[in-house]
């Protein structure tokens, strides 16, 4: 595991996060590359690392421990609640083929 102490030490974590992502999904290409970091406005130690292919992570202690966010669906956007530390809004959708009546959009 790669560690980061409250902004004092920065380490390239992409290889570790890609390995974690490979365990979560069956894709083996460039999964899990971090595309965005979102800071919790209530807790400055909590961050979401948004990754490619819908694989993202959360840390509650500035990266000392990182957990995979996995809802069973590809999550594409996250927004922390402005006042509640543990509230998070996430969105997910899939593309339906034209005329496919059995397909649901989320």
PDB file of N, CA and C in Angstrom:
ATOM      1  N   UNK A   1       0.842  -1.181   0.000  1.00  0.00           N
ATOM      2  CA  UNK A   1       0.000   0.000   0.000  1.00  0.00           C
ATOM      3  C   UNK A   1       0.882   1.237   0.000  1.00  0.00           C
ATOM      4  N   UNK A   2       0.466   2.242  -0.698  1.00  0.00           N
ATOM      5  CA  UNK A   2       1.186   3.505  -0.761  1.00  0.00           C
ATOM      6  C   UNK A   2       0.497   4.478   0.186  1.00  0.00           C
ATOM      7  N   UNK A   3       1.256   5.239   0.921  1.00  0.00           N
ATOM      8  CA  UNK A   3       0.693   6.142   1.919  1.00  0.00           C
ATOM      9  C   UNK A   3       0.948   7.593   1.582  1.00  0.00           C
ATOM     10  N   UNK A   4       0.061   8.454   2.061  1.00  0.00           N
ATOM     11  CA  UNK A   4       0.220   9.887   1.926  1.00  0.00           C
ATOM     12  C   UNK A   4      -0.201  10.507   3.254  1.00  0.00           C
ATOM     13  N   UNK A   5       0.632  11.315   3.865  1.00  0.00           N
ATOM     14  CA  UNK A   5       0.348  11.888   5.161  1.00  0.00           C
ATOM     15  C   UNK A   5      -0.148  13.317   5.025  1.00  0.00           C
ATOM     16  N   UNK A   6      -1.417  13.532   5.196  1.00  0.00           N
ATOM     17  CA  UNK A   6      -2.045  14.853   5.287  1.00  0.00           C
ATOM     18  C   UNK A   6      -1.411  15.918   4.400  1.00  0.00           C
ATOM     19  N   UNK A   7      -1.079  15.591   3.183  1.00  0.00           N
ATOM     20  CA  UNK A   7      -0.528  16.566   2.261  1.00  0.00           C
ATOM     21  C   UNK A   7       0.954  16.821   2.430  1.00  0.00           C
ATOM     22  N   UNK A   8       1.605  16.136   3.371  1.00  0.00           N
ATOM     23  CA  UNK A   8       3.030  16.338   3.585  1.00  0.00           C
ATOM     24  C   UNK A   8       3.868  15.516   2.620  1.00  0.00           C
ATOM     25  N   UNK A   9       3.332  14.393   2.187  1.00  0.00           N
ATOM     26  CA  UNK A   9       4.082  13.470   1.339  1.00  0.00           C
ATOM     27  C   UNK A   9       3.193  13.045   0.181  1.00  0.00           C
ATOM     28  N   UNK A  10       3.681  13.196  -1.018  1.00  0.00           N
ATOM     29  CA  UNK A  10       2.916  12.815  -2.200  1.00  0.00           C
ATOM     30  C   UNK A  10       3.639  11.685  -2.913  1.00  0.00           C
ATOM     31  N   UNK A  11       2.903  10.628  -3.216  1.00  0.00           N
ATOM     32  CA  UNK A  11       3.475   9.452  -3.839  1.00  0.00           C
ATOM     33  C   UNK A  11       2.651   9.120  -5.078  1.00  0.00           C
ATOM     34  N   UNK A  12       3.297   8.680  -6.121  1.00  0.00           N
ATOM     35  CA  UNK A  12       2.575   8.253  -7.314  1.00  0.00           C
ATOM     36  C   UNK A  12       1.830   6.968  -6.967  1.00  0.00           C
ATOM     37  N   UNK A  13       0.505   7.032  -6.981  1.00  0.00           N
ATOM     38  CA  UNK A  13      -0.314   5.919  -6.534  1.00  0.00           C
ATOM     39  C   UNK A  13      -1.000   5.190  -7.676  1.00  0.00           C
ATOM     40  N   UNK A  14      -0.804   5.627  -8.907  1.00  0.00           N
ATOM     41  CA  UNK A  14      -1.558   5.085 -10.021  1.00  0.00           C
ATOM     42  C   UNK A  14      -1.384   3.574 -10.185  1.00  0.00           C
ATOM     43  N   UNK A  15      -0.160   3.053 -10.028  1.00  0.00           N
ATOM     44  CA  UNK A  15       0.053   1.610 -10.185  1.00  0.00           C
ATOM     45  C   UNK A  15      -0.722   0.816  -9.141  1.00  0.00           C
ATOM     46  N   UNK A  16      -0.714   1.288  -7.892  1.00  0.00           N
ATOM     47  CA  UNK A  16      -1.451   0.597  -6.830  1.00  0.00           C
ATOM     48  C   UNK A  16      -2.951   0.632  -7.095  1.00  0.00           C
ATOM     49  N   UNK A  17      -3.477   1.783  -7.515  1.00  0.00           N
ATOM     50  CA  UNK A  17      -4.903   1.905  -7.778  1.00  0.00           C
ATOM     51  C   UNK A  17      -5.319   1.062  -8.978  1.00  0.00           C
ATOM     52  N   UNK A  18      -4.475   0.958  -9.984  1.00  0.00           N
ATOM     53  CA  UNK A  18      -4.777   0.116 -11.142  1.00  0.00           C
ATOM     54  C   UNK A  18      -4.854  -1.352 -10.734  1.00  0.00           C
ATOM     55  N   UNK A  19      -3.973  -1.786  -9.842  1.00  0.00           N
ATOM     56  CA  UNK A  19      -4.024  -3.177  -9.348  1.00  0.00           C
ATOM     57  C   UNK A  19      -5.318  -3.437  -8.591  1.00  0.00           C
ATOM     58  N   UNK A  20      -5.727  -2.484  -7.750  1.00  0.00           N
ATOM     59  CA  UNK A  20      -6.986  -2.635  -7.015  1.00  0.00           C
ATOM     60  C   UNK A  20      -8.171  -2.707  -7.980  1.00  0.00           C
ATOM     61  N   UNK A  21      -8.141  -1.876  -9.021  1.00  0.00           N
ATOM     62  CA  UNK A  21      -9.225  -1.852  -9.994  1.00  0.00           C
ATOM     63  C   UNK A  21      -9.319  -3.171 -10.746  1.00  0.00           C
ATOM     64  N   UNK A  22      -8.194  -3.776 -11.077  1.00  0.00           N
ATOM     65  CA  UNK A  22      -8.181  -5.039 -11.818  1.00  0.00           C
ATOM     66  C   UNK A  22      -8.880  -6.147 -11.037  1.00  0.00           C
ATOM     67  N   UNK A  23      -8.833  -6.065  -9.718  1.00  0.00           N
ATOM     68  CA  UNK A  23      -9.509  -7.063  -8.887  1.00  0.00           C
ATOM     69  C   UNK A  23     -11.027  -6.873  -8.901  1.00  0.00           C
ATOM     70  N   UNK A  24     -11.490  -5.645  -9.166  1.00  0.00           N
ATOM     71  CA  UNK A  24     -12.912  -5.332  -9.107  1.00  0.00           C
ATOM     72  C   UNK A  24     -13.661  -5.607 -10.402  1.00  0.00           C
ATOM     73  N   UNK A  25     -13.004  -5.437 -11.531  1.00  0.00           N
ATOM     74  CA  UNK A  25     -13.673  -5.643 -12.815  1.00  0.00           C
ATOM     75  C   UNK A  25     -12.820  -6.541 -13.692  1.00  0.00           C
ATOM     76  N   UNK A  26     -13.435  -7.075 -14.739  1.00  0.00           N
ATOM     77  CA  UNK A  26     -12.721  -8.021 -15.590  1.00  0.00           C
ATOM     78  C   UNK A  26     -11.911  -7.350 -16.688  1.00  0.00           C
ATOM     79  N   UNK A  27     -12.058  -6.051 -16.870  1.00  0.00           N
ATOM     80  CA  UNK A  27     -11.275  -5.361 -17.896  1.00  0.00           C
ATOM     81  C   UNK A  27      -9.807  -5.329 -17.505  1.00  0.00           C
ATOM     82  N   UNK A  28      -8.926  -5.500 -18.450  1.00  0.00           N
ATOM     83  CA  UNK A  28      -7.500  -5.556 -18.131  1.00  0.00           C
ATOM     84  C   UNK A  28      -6.694  -4.451 -18.798  1.00  0.00           C
ATOM     85  N   UNK A  29      -7.347  -3.511 -19.510  1.00  0.00           N
ATOM     86  CA  UNK A  29      -6.592  -2.487 -20.225  1.00  0.00           C
ATOM     87  C   UNK A  29      -6.112  -1.407 -19.256  1.00  0.00           C
ATOM     88  N   UNK A  30      -6.600  -0.221 -19.435  1.00  0.00           N
ATOM     89  CA  UNK A  30      -6.156   0.923 -18.629  1.00  0.00           C
ATOM     90  C   UNK A  30      -7.173   1.246 -17.545  1.00  0.00           C
ATOM     91  N   UNK A  31      -7.691   0.232 -16.901  1.00  0.00           N
ATOM     92  CA  UNK A  31      -8.700   0.481 -15.878  1.00  0.00           C
ATOM     93  C   UNK A  31      -8.070   1.145 -14.661  1.00  0.00           C
ATOM     94  N   UNK A  32      -8.869   1.911 -14.011  1.00  0.00           N
ATOM     95  CA  UNK A  32      -8.463   2.461 -12.738  1.00  0.00           C
ATOM     96  C   UNK A  32      -7.533   3.645 -12.769  1.00  0.00           C
ATOM     97  N   UNK A  33      -7.265   4.212 -13.917  1.00  0.00           N
ATOM     98  CA  UNK A  33      -6.429   5.416 -13.957  1.00  0.00           C
ATOM     99  C   UNK A  33      -7.235   6.564 -13.350  1.00  0.00           C
ATOM    100  N   UNK A  34      -6.634   7.299 -12.448  1.00  0.00           N
ATOM    101  CA  UNK A  34      -7.335   8.389 -11.774  1.00  0.00           C
ATOM    102  C   UNK A  34      -7.517   9.558 -12.739  1.00  0.00           C
ATOM    103  N   UNK A  35      -8.771  10.007 -12.878  1.00  0.00           N
ATOM    104  CA  UNK A  35      -9.066  11.115 -13.774  1.00  0.00           C
ATOM    105  C   UNK A  35      -9.442  12.389 -13.018  1.00  0.00           C
ATOM    106  N   UNK A  36      -9.824  12.242 -11.747  1.00  0.00           N
ATOM    107  CA  UNK A  36     -10.252  13.401 -10.964  1.00  0.00           C
ATOM    108  C   UNK A  36     -10.207  13.075  -9.479  1.00  0.00           C
ATOM    109  N   UNK A  37      -9.903  14.070  -8.664  1.00  0.00           N
ATOM    110  CA  UNK A  37      -9.914  13.915  -7.210  1.00  0.00           C
ATOM    111  C   UNK A  37     -10.940  14.889  -6.652  1.00  0.00           C
ATOM    112  N   UNK A  38     -11.851  14.375  -5.817  1.00  0.00           N
ATOM    113  CA  UNK A  38     -12.909  15.199  -5.232  1.00  0.00           C
ATOM    114  C   UNK A  38     -12.735  15.227  -3.719  1.00  0.00           C
ATOM    115  N   UNK A  39     -12.646  16.425  -3.154  1.00  0.00           N
ATOM    116  CA  UNK A  39     -12.449  16.612  -1.712  1.00  0.00           C
ATOM    117  C   UNK A  39     -13.801  16.810  -1.037  1.00  0.00           C
ATOM    118  N   UNK A  40     -13.984  16.176   0.104  1.00  0.00           N
ATOM    119  CA  UNK A  40     -15.184  16.358   0.901  1.00  0.00           C
ATOM    120  C   UNK A  40     -15.145  17.747   1.542  1.00  0.00           C
ATOM    121  N   UNK A  41     -16.187  18.572   1.349  1.00  0.00           N
ATOM    122  CA  UNK A  41     -16.159  19.926   1.912  1.00  0.00           C
ATOM    123  C   UNK A  41     -16.288  19.965   3.431  1.00  0.00           C
ATOM    124  N   UNK A  42     -16.733  18.876   4.038  1.00  0.00           N
ATOM    125  CA  UNK A  42     -16.926  18.826   5.489  1.00  0.00           C
ATOM    126  C   UNK A  42     -15.712  18.238   6.197  1.00  0.00           C
ATOM    127  N   UNK A  43     -15.026  17.290   5.547  1.00  0.00           N
ATOM    128  CA  UNK A  43     -13.895  16.591   6.160  1.00  0.00           C
ATOM    129  C   UNK A  43     -12.695  16.671   5.209  1.00  0.00           C
ATOM    130  N   UNK A  44     -11.680  17.438   5.594  1.00  0.00           N
ATOM    131  CA  UNK A  44     -10.543  17.635   4.694  1.00  0.00           C
ATOM    132  C   UNK A  44      -9.613  16.426   4.612  1.00  0.00           C
ATOM    133  N   UNK A  45      -9.971  15.318   5.254  1.00  0.00           N
ATOM    134  CA  UNK A  45      -9.198  14.079   5.131  1.00  0.00           C
ATOM    135  C   UNK A  45      -9.875  13.067   4.206  1.00  0.00           C
ATOM    136  N   UNK A  46     -11.088  13.387   3.744  1.00  0.00           N
ATOM    137  CA  UNK A  46     -11.858  12.460   2.917  1.00  0.00           C
ATOM    138  C   UNK A  46     -11.838  12.906   1.457  1.00  0.00           C
ATOM    139  N   UNK A  47     -11.456  11.968   0.574  1.00  0.00           N
ATOM    140  CA  UNK A  47     -11.378  12.239  -0.856  1.00  0.00           C
ATOM    141  C   UNK A  47     -11.940  11.067  -1.639  1.00  0.00           C
ATOM    142  N   UNK A  48     -12.427  11.370  -2.830  1.00  0.00           N
ATOM    143  CA  UNK A  48     -12.776  10.341  -3.812  1.00  0.00           C
ATOM    144  C   UNK A  48     -11.807  10.485  -4.966  1.00  0.00           C
ATOM    145  N   UNK A  49     -11.246   9.354  -5.399  1.00  0.00           N
ATOM    146  CA  UNK A  49     -10.405   9.307  -6.588  1.00  0.00           C
ATOM    147  C   UNK A  49     -11.254   8.689  -7.690  1.00  0.00           C
ATOM    148  N   UNK A  50     -11.675   9.500  -8.661  1.00  0.00           N
ATOM    149  CA  UNK A  50     -12.484   8.980  -9.762  1.00  0.00           C
ATOM    150  C   UNK A  50     -11.568   8.337 -10.781  1.00  0.00           C
ATOM    151  N   UNK A  51     -11.891   7.113 -11.149  1.00  0.00           N
ATOM    152  CA  UNK A  51     -11.060   6.381 -12.082  1.00  0.00           C
ATOM    153  C   UNK A  51     -11.783   6.045 -13.368  1.00  0.00           C
ATOM    154  N   UNK A  52     -11.031   5.582 -14.333  1.00  0.00           N
ATOM    155  CA  UNK A  52     -11.597   5.192 -15.618  1.00  0.00           C
ATOM    156  C   UNK A  52     -12.399   3.902 -15.475  1.00  0.00           C
ATOM    157  N   UNK A  53     -13.273   3.644 -16.426  1.00  0.00           N
ATOM    158  CA  UNK A  53     -14.127   2.456 -16.480  1.00  0.00           C
ATOM    159  C   UNK A  53     -15.038   2.333 -15.265  1.00  0.00           C
ATOM    160  N   UNK A  54     -15.341   3.447 -14.607  1.00  0.00           N
ATOM    161  CA  UNK A  54     -16.276   3.418 -13.488  1.00  0.00           C
ATOM    162  C   UNK A  54     -15.709   2.878 -12.196  1.00  0.00           C
ATOM    163  N   UNK A  55     -14.411   2.635 -12.127  1.00  0.00           N
ATOM    164  CA  UNK A  55     -13.791   2.150 -10.896  1.00  0.00           C
ATOM    165  C   UNK A  55     -13.219   3.351 -10.154  1.00  0.00           C
ATOM    166  N   UNK A  56     -13.716   3.602  -8.960  1.00  0.00           N
ATOM    167  CA  UNK A  56     -13.276   4.737  -8.167  1.00  0.00           C
ATOM    168  C   UNK A  56     -13.000   4.293  -6.746  1.00  0.00           C
ATOM    169  N   UNK A  57     -12.346   5.176  -5.986  1.00  0.00           N
ATOM    170  CA  UNK A  57     -11.943   4.845  -4.620  1.00  0.00           C
ATOM    171  C   UNK A  57     -12.286   5.978  -3.684  1.00  0.00           C
ATOM    172  N   UNK A  58     -12.317   5.648  -2.384  1.00  0.00           N
ATOM    173  CA  UNK A  58     -12.543   6.650  -1.351  1.00  0.00           C
ATOM    174  C   UNK A  58     -11.523   6.450  -0.234  1.00  0.00           C
ATOM    175  N   UNK A  59     -11.070   7.551   0.330  1.00  0.00           N
ATOM    176  CA  UNK A  59     -10.211   7.501   1.500  1.00  0.00           C
ATOM    177  C   UNK A  59     -10.795   8.444   2.545  1.00  0.00           C
ATOM    178  N   UNK A  60     -10.740   8.032   3.787  1.00  0.00           N
ATOM    179  CA  UNK A  60     -11.232   8.859   4.890  1.00  0.00           C
ATOM    180  C   UNK A  60     -10.090   9.377   5.747  1.00  0.00           C
ATOM    181  N   UNK A  61      -8.839   9.052   5.356  1.00  0.00           N
ATOM    182  CA  UNK A  61      -7.687   9.453   6.173  1.00  0.00           C
ATOM    183  C   UNK A  61      -6.506   9.877   5.293  1.00  0.00           C
ATOM    184  N   UNK A  62      -6.781  10.730   4.336  1.00  0.00           N
ATOM    185  CA  UNK A  62      -5.747  11.305   3.454  1.00  0.00           C
ATOM    186  C   UNK A  62      -4.927  10.256   2.714  1.00  0.00           C
ATOM    187  N   UNK A  63      -5.518   9.137   2.363  1.00  0.00           N
ATOM    188  CA  UNK A  63      -4.848   8.139   1.557  1.00  0.00           C
ATOM    189  C   UNK A  63      -4.124   7.050   2.322  1.00  0.00           C
ATOM    190  N   UNK A  64      -4.177   7.071   3.651  1.00  0.00           N
ATOM    191  CA  UNK A  64      -3.518   6.002   4.403  1.00  0.00           C
ATOM    192  C   UNK A  64      -4.198   4.668   4.144  1.00  0.00           C
ATOM    193  N   UNK A  65      -5.527   4.686   3.976  1.00  0.00           N
ATOM    194  CA  UNK A  65      -6.272   3.488   3.608  1.00  0.00           C
ATOM    195  C   UNK A  65      -7.244   3.888   2.504  1.00  0.00           C
ATOM    196  N   UNK A  66      -7.240   3.137   1.416  1.00  0.00           N
ATOM    197  CA  UNK A  66      -8.089   3.428   0.267  1.00  0.00           C
ATOM    198  C   UNK A  66      -9.009   2.243   0.026  1.00  0.00           C
ATOM    199  N   UNK A  67     -10.313   2.521  -0.137  1.00  0.00           N
ATOM    200  CA  UNK A  67     -11.301   1.480  -0.396  1.00  0.00           C
ATOM    201  C   UNK A  67     -11.908   1.703  -1.777  1.00  0.00           C
ATOM    202  N   UNK A  68     -12.217   0.616  -2.453  1.00  0.00           N
ATOM    203  CA  UNK A  68     -12.857   0.696  -3.768  1.00  0.00           C
ATOM    204  C   UNK A  68     -14.328   1.035  -3.571  1.00  0.00           C
ATOM    205  N   UNK A  69     -14.834   1.977  -4.373  1.00  0.00           N
ATOM    206  CA  UNK A  69     -16.266   2.275  -4.409  1.00  0.00           C
ATOM    207  C   UNK A  69     -16.874   1.374  -5.476  1.00  0.00           C
ATOM    208  N   UNK A  70     -17.711   0.443  -5.065  1.00  0.00           N
ATOM    209  CA  UNK A  70     -18.302  -0.490  -6.013  1.00  0.00           C
ATOM    210  C   UNK A  70     -19.761  -0.680  -5.656  1.00  0.00           C
ATOM    211  N   UNK A  71     -20.646  -0.148  -6.497  1.00  0.00           N
ATOM    212  CA  UNK A  71     -22.089  -0.281  -6.264  1.00  0.00           C
ATOM    213  C   UNK A  71     -22.699  -1.345  -7.161  1.00  0.00           C
ATOM    214  N   UNK A  72     -21.876  -1.981  -7.979  1.00  0.00           N
ATOM    215  CA  UNK A  72     -22.399  -2.940  -8.938  1.00  0.00           C
ATOM    216  C   UNK A  72     -22.704  -2.309 -10.288  1.00  0.00           C
ATOM    217  N   UNK A  73     -22.669  -0.984 -10.318  1.00  0.00           N
ATOM    218  CA  UNK A  73     -22.868  -0.244 -11.560  1.00  0.00           C
ATOM    219  C   UNK A  73     -21.690   0.685 -11.774  1.00  0.00           C
ATOM    220  N   UNK A  74     -21.478   1.063 -13.010  1.00  0.00           N
ATOM    221  CA  UNK A  74     -20.423   2.026 -13.340  1.00  0.00           C
ATOM    222  C   UNK A  74     -20.877   3.406 -12.876  1.00  0.00           C
ATOM    223  N   UNK A  75     -20.219   3.947 -11.864  1.00  0.00           N
ATOM    224  CA  UNK A  75     -20.555   5.269 -11.349  1.00  0.00           C
ATOM    225  C   UNK A  75     -19.725   6.312 -12.085  1.00  0.00           C
ATOM    226  N   UNK A  76     -20.371   7.375 -12.516  1.00  0.00           N
ATOM    227  CA  UNK A  76     -19.659   8.331 -13.352  1.00  0.00           C
ATOM    228  C   UNK A  76     -19.487   9.717 -12.727  1.00  0.00           C
ATOM    229  N   UNK A  77     -20.315  10.103 -11.784  1.00  0.00           N
ATOM    230  CA  UNK A  77     -20.194  11.407 -11.143  1.00  0.00           C
ATOM    231  C   UNK A  77     -20.464  11.273  -9.645  1.00  0.00           C
ATOM    232  N   UNK A  78     -19.725  12.042  -8.867  1.00  0.00           N
ATOM    233  CA  UNK A  78     -19.906  12.056  -7.422  1.00  0.00           C
ATOM    234  C   UNK A  78     -19.993  13.499  -6.951  1.00  0.00           C
ATOM    235  N   UNK A  79     -20.848  13.745  -5.961  1.00  0.00           N
ATOM    236  CA  UNK A  79     -20.923  15.044  -5.311  1.00  0.00           C
ATOM    237  C   UNK A  79     -21.099  14.801  -3.820  1.00  0.00           C
ATOM    238  N   UNK A  80     -20.201  15.358  -3.024  1.00  0.00           N
ATOM    239  CA  UNK A  80     -20.369  15.288  -1.576  1.00  0.00           C
ATOM    240  C   UNK A  80     -21.441  16.280  -1.153  1.00  0.00           C
ATOM    241  N   UNK A  81     -22.180  15.950  -0.105  1.00  0.00           N
ATOM    242  CA  UNK A  81     -23.139  16.873   0.475  1.00  0.00           C
ATOM    243  C   UNK A  81     -22.368  18.014   1.137  1.00  0.00           C
ATOM    244  N   UNK A  82     -22.853  19.247   1.051  1.00  0.00           N
ATOM    245  CA  UNK A  82     -22.085  20.370   1.596  1.00  0.00           C
ATOM    246  C   UNK A  82     -22.011  20.435   3.120  1.00  0.00           C
ATOM    247  N   UNK A  83     -22.906  19.704   3.834  1.00  0.00           N
ATOM    248  CA  UNK A  83     -22.920  19.793   5.300  1.00  0.00           C
ATOM    249  C   UNK A  83     -22.818  18.454   6.015  1.00  0.00           C
ATOM    250  N   UNK A  84     -23.241  17.373   5.364  1.00  0.00           N
ATOM    251  CA  UNK A  84     -23.244  16.042   5.978  1.00  0.00           C
ATOM    252  C   UNK A  84     -22.031  15.254   5.491  1.00  0.00           C
ATOM    253  N   UNK A  85     -21.145  14.901   6.396  1.00  0.00           N
ATOM    254  CA  UNK A  85     -19.888  14.233   6.055  1.00  0.00           C
ATOM    255  C   UNK A  85     -20.096  12.934   5.280  1.00  0.00           C
ATOM    256  N   UNK A  86     -21.032  12.109   5.682  1.00  0.00           N
ATOM    257  CA  UNK A  86     -21.183  10.767   5.112  1.00  0.00           C
ATOM    258  C   UNK A  86     -22.226  10.678   4.002  1.00  0.00           C
ATOM    259  N   UNK A  87     -22.701  11.796   3.507  1.00  0.00           N
ATOM    260  CA  UNK A  87     -23.671  11.772   2.417  1.00  0.00           C
ATOM    261  C   UNK A  87     -22.980  12.062   1.098  1.00  0.00           C
ATOM    262  N   UNK A  88     -23.363  11.298   0.085  1.00  0.00           N
ATOM    263  CA  UNK A  88     -22.738  11.401  -1.220  1.00  0.00           C
ATOM    264  C   UNK A  88     -23.789  11.120  -2.276  1.00  0.00           C
ATOM    265  N   UNK A  89     -23.791  11.915  -3.321  1.00  0.00           N
ATOM    266  CA  UNK A  89     -24.686  11.687  -4.446  1.00  0.00           C
ATOM    267  C   UNK A  89     -23.840  11.170  -5.604  1.00  0.00           C
ATOM    268  N   UNK A  90     -24.263  10.058  -6.187  1.00  0.00           N
ATOM    269  CA  UNK A  90     -23.524   9.470  -7.309  1.00  0.00           C
ATOM    270  C   UNK A  90     -24.504   9.198  -8.446  1.00  0.00           C
ATOM    271  N   UNK A  91     -24.010   9.261  -9.670  1.00  0.00           N
ATOM    272  CA  UNK A  91     -24.871   8.977 -10.820  1.00  0.00           C
ATOM    273  C   UNK A  91     -24.282   7.839 -11.641  1.00  0.00           C
ATOM    274  N   UNK A  92     -25.200   7.157 -12.306  1.00  0.00           N
ATOM    275  CA  UNK A  92     -24.815   6.043 -13.163  1.00  0.00           C
ATOM    276  C   UNK A  92     -25.807   5.977 -14.309  1.00  0.00           C
ATOM    277  N   UNK A  93     -25.347   5.598 -15.471  1.00  0.00           N
ATOM    278  CA  UNK A  93     -26.241   5.402 -16.591  1.00  0.00           C
ATOM    279  C   UNK A  93     -25.630   4.423 -17.566  1.00  0.00           C
ATOM    280  N   UNK A  94     -26.462   3.921 -18.422  1.00  0.00           N
ATOM    281  CA  UNK A  94     -25.972   3.079 -19.511  1.00  0.00           C
ATOM    282  C   UNK A  94     -26.676   3.508 -20.785  1.00  0.00           C
ATOM    283  N   UNK A  95     -26.049   3.253 -21.884  1.00  0.00           N
ATOM    284  CA  UNK A  95     -26.599   3.639 -23.182  1.00  0.00           C
ATOM    285  C   UNK A  95     -27.451   2.502 -23.716  1.00  0.00           C
ATOM    286  N   UNK A  96     -28.679   2.817 -24.050  1.00  0.00           N
ATOM    287  CA  UNK A  96     -29.577   1.820 -24.628  1.00  0.00           C
ATOM    288  C   UNK A  96     -29.565   1.954 -26.142  1.00  0.00           C
ATOM    289  N   UNK A  97     -29.653   0.821 -26.804  1.00  0.00           N
ATOM    290  CA  UNK A  97     -29.732   0.836 -28.265  1.00  0.00           C
ATOM    291  C   UNK A  97     -31.122   1.338 -28.670  1.00  0.00           C
ATOM    292  N   UNK A  98     -31.182   2.034 -29.772  1.00  0.00           N
ATOM    293  CA  UNK A  98     -32.440   2.598 -30.248  1.00  0.00           C
ATOM    294  C   UNK A  98     -33.455   1.479 -30.477  1.00  0.00           C
ATOM    295  N   UNK A  99     -34.634   1.616 -29.890  1.00  0.00           N
ATOM    296  CA  UNK A  99     -35.696   0.630 -30.050  1.00  0.00           C
ATOM    297  C   UNK A  99     -35.624  -0.536 -29.074  1.00  0.00           C
ATOM    298  N   UNK A 100     -34.621  -0.584 -28.198  1.00  0.00           N
ATOM    299  CA  UNK A 100     -34.486  -1.681 -27.226  1.00  0.00           C
ATOM    300  C   UNK A 100     -35.429  -1.412 -26.051  1.00  0.00           C
ATOM    301  N   UNK A 101     -36.547  -2.118 -26.001  1.00  0.00           N
ATOM    302  CA  UNK A 101     -37.556  -1.884 -24.975  1.00  0.00           C
ATOM    303  C   UNK A 101     -37.201  -2.530 -23.638  1.00  0.00           C
ATOM    304  N   UNK A 102     -36.272  -3.482 -23.632  1.00  0.00           N
ATOM    305  CA  UNK A 102     -35.887  -4.156 -22.396  1.00  0.00           C
ATOM    306  C   UNK A 102     -34.760  -3.429 -21.659  1.00  0.00           C
ATOM    307  N   UNK A 103     -34.174  -2.414 -22.287  1.00  0.00           N
ATOM    308  CA  UNK A 103     -33.056  -1.701 -21.705  1.00  0.00           C
ATOM    309  C   UNK A 103     -33.564  -0.598 -20.779  1.00  0.00           C
ATOM    310  N   UNK A 104     -32.968  -0.493 -19.600  1.00  0.00           N
ATOM    311  CA  UNK A 104     -33.297   0.564 -18.659  1.00  0.00           C
ATOM    312  C   UNK A 104     -32.141   1.534 -18.552  1.00  0.00           C
ATOM    313  N   UNK A 105     -32.456   2.800 -18.533  1.00  0.00           N
ATOM    314  CA  UNK A 105     -31.444   3.820 -18.316  1.00  0.00           C
ATOM    315  C   UNK A 105     -31.485   4.212 -16.842  1.00  0.00           C
ATOM    316  N   UNK A 106     -30.318   4.418 -16.255  1.00  0.00           N
ATOM    317  CA  UNK A 106     -30.237   4.779 -14.844  1.00  0.00           C
ATOM    318  C   UNK A 106     -29.717   6.185 -14.725  1.00  0.00           C
TER     319      UNK A 106
END
